[in-house]
Amino acid sequence: MTDGHLRKIVMDFVRAIKGRQEYKDYKELLERIKEQPELYDKTNAFRQKNFAIQSSESGERLLECMEELEKEFEEVRAIPLVDNFLAAELCFCKMMQEINELIWDEIDFQ
């Protein structure tokens, strides 16, 4: 991207995203959970397994795997900081997905 004008527009857009409450909540909770390395590691283990399951399973098997995952990480998910972090991350990710969908829809890239 060599066009300075386009780069400025993109950077303005990034600043706008960083100014959103969804991003601020995610970053704040991420920093708080990182202050507890063991808890952060357990949370990341949950996130990685969750991603792997959702990327590889479908239908009834997906539901079964998700139930197993929830049982395996029940104690970790019961910690308010972890639950709040995961909720904030999900909210931020949904916002970014909506932005991406809007961009691709408007560009009409086929």
Protein backbone atom coordinates (compact mmCIF):
# COMPACT_ATOMS: atom_id res chain seq x y z
CA MET A 1 0.00 0.00 0.00
CA THR A 2 2.11 2.87 -1.26
CA ASP A 3 -0.69 5.42 -1.50
CA GLY A 4 -0.17 7.78 1.44
CA HIS A 5 -3.77 8.99 1.35
CA LEU A 6 -5.16 5.46 1.57
CA ARG A 7 -2.74 4.64 4.38
CA LYS A 8 -3.96 7.68 6.33
CA ILE A 9 -7.57 6.60 5.86
CA VAL A 10 -6.76 3.07 7.08
CA MET A 11 -4.87 4.39 10.10
CA ASP A 12 -7.80 6.69 10.93
CA PHE A 13 -10.06 3.65 10.70
CA VAL A 14 -7.77 1.66 13.02
CA ARG A 15 -7.81 4.53 15.53
CA ALA A 16 -11.61 4.53 15.32
CA ILE A 17 -11.68 0.80 16.10
CA LYS A 18 -9.31 1.30 19.02
CA GLY A 19 -11.62 4.01 20.31
CA ARG A 20 -14.59 1.63 20.45
CA GLN A 21 -15.70 0.31 23.83
CA GLU A 22 -15.56 -3.28 22.52
CA TYR A 23 -11.84 -2.90 21.86
CA LYS A 24 -11.14 -1.05 25.12
CA ASP A 25 -12.94 -3.71 27.17
CA TYR A 26 -11.07 -6.51 25.41
CA LYS A 27 -7.66 -4.87 25.90
CA GLU A 28 -8.31 -4.01 29.54
CA LEU A 29 -9.38 -7.54 30.41
CA LEU A 30 -6.55 -9.03 28.39
CA GLU A 31 -4.02 -7.04 30.41
CA ARG A 32 -5.71 -8.01 33.68
CA ILE A 33 -5.71 -11.71 32.84
CA LYS A 34 -2.08 -11.57 31.71
CA GLU A 35 -1.18 -10.43 35.22
CA GLN A 36 -2.00 -14.00 36.30
CA PRO A 37 0.17 -16.15 33.99
CA GLU A 38 -1.26 -19.49 35.14
CA LEU A 39 -4.82 -18.30 34.60
CA TYR A 40 -3.84 -16.76 31.26
CA ASP A 41 -2.34 -20.09 30.17
CA LYS A 42 -5.49 -21.99 31.15
CA THR A 43 -7.64 -19.44 29.34
CA ASN A 44 -5.51 -19.77 26.23
CA ALA A 45 -5.77 -23.55 26.39
CA PHE A 46 -9.56 -23.18 26.40
CA ARG A 47 -9.44 -20.69 23.51
CA GLN A 48 -7.18 -22.95 21.43
CA LYS A 49 -9.30 -26.05 21.97
CA ASN A 50 -12.47 -24.07 21.28
CA PHE A 51 -11.03 -22.79 17.99
CA ALA A 52 -9.83 -26.26 16.98
CA ILE A 53 -13.23 -27.82 17.68
CA GLN A 54 -15.18 -25.14 15.85
CA SER A 55 -12.80 -25.37 12.89
CA SER A 56 -12.94 -29.14 12.54
CA GLU A 57 -16.29 -30.41 13.80
CA SER A 58 -19.87 -29.96 12.69
CA GLY A 59 -23.39 -31.07 13.53
CA GLU A 60 -23.93 -33.37 16.48
CA ARG A 61 -20.20 -33.98 16.88
CA LEU A 62 -19.65 -30.23 17.30
CA LEU A 63 -22.23 -30.10 20.09
CA GLU A 64 -20.70 -33.11 21.82
CA CYS A 65 -17.20 -31.66 21.65
CA MET A 66 -18.38 -28.29 22.92
CA GLU A 67 -20.12 -29.95 25.87
CA GLU A 68 -16.92 -31.86 26.68
CA LEU A 69 -14.91 -28.65 26.42
CA GLU A 70 -17.27 -26.82 28.76
CA LYS A 71 -17.00 -29.63 31.32
CA GLU A 72 -13.21 -29.75 31.04
CA PHE A 73 -12.88 -25.99 31.62
CA GLU A 74 -15.87 -25.50 33.93
CA GLU A 75 -13.72 -24.35 36.86
CA VAL A 76 -11.75 -21.89 34.75
CA ARG A 77 -14.87 -20.51 33.07
CA ALA A 78 -16.45 -19.98 36.50
CA ILE A 79 -13.80 -17.38 37.34
CA PRO A 80 -15.40 -13.97 36.68
CA LEU A 81 -12.24 -12.50 35.12
CA VAL A 82 -12.02 -15.35 32.61
CA ASP A 83 -15.72 -15.23 31.81
CA ASN A 84 -15.62 -11.45 31.36
CA PHE A 85 -12.51 -11.66 29.20
CA LEU A 86 -13.99 -14.32 26.94
CA ALA A 87 -17.23 -12.35 26.62
CA ALA A 88 -15.31 -9.18 25.72
CA GLU A 89 -13.20 -11.08 23.21
CA LEU A 90 -16.31 -12.53 21.59
CA CYS A 91 -17.93 -9.11 21.40
CA PHE A 92 -14.82 -7.59 19.81
CA CYS A 93 -14.50 -10.48 17.34
CA LYS A 94 -18.14 -10.13 16.29
CA MET A 95 -17.61 -6.42 15.69
CA MET A 96 -14.56 -7.16 13.53
CA GLN A 97 -16.48 -9.82 11.60
CA GLU A 98 -19.26 -7.34 10.88
CA ILE A 99 -16.70 -4.80 9.67
CA ASN A 100 -15.05 -7.37 7.41
CA GLU A 101 -18.38 -8.48 5.98
CA LEU A 102 -19.36 -4.89 5.28
CA ILE A 103 -16.06 -4.17 3.53
CA TRP A 104 -16.26 -7.28 1.35
CA ASP A 105 -19.93 -6.64 0.53
CA GLU A 106 -19.25 -3.05 -0.48
CA ILE A 107 -16.17 -3.93 -2.54
CA ASP A 108 -18.11 -6.69 -4.32
CA PHE A 109 -14.99 -8.83 -4.62
CA GLN A 110 -15.78 -12.01 -6.50
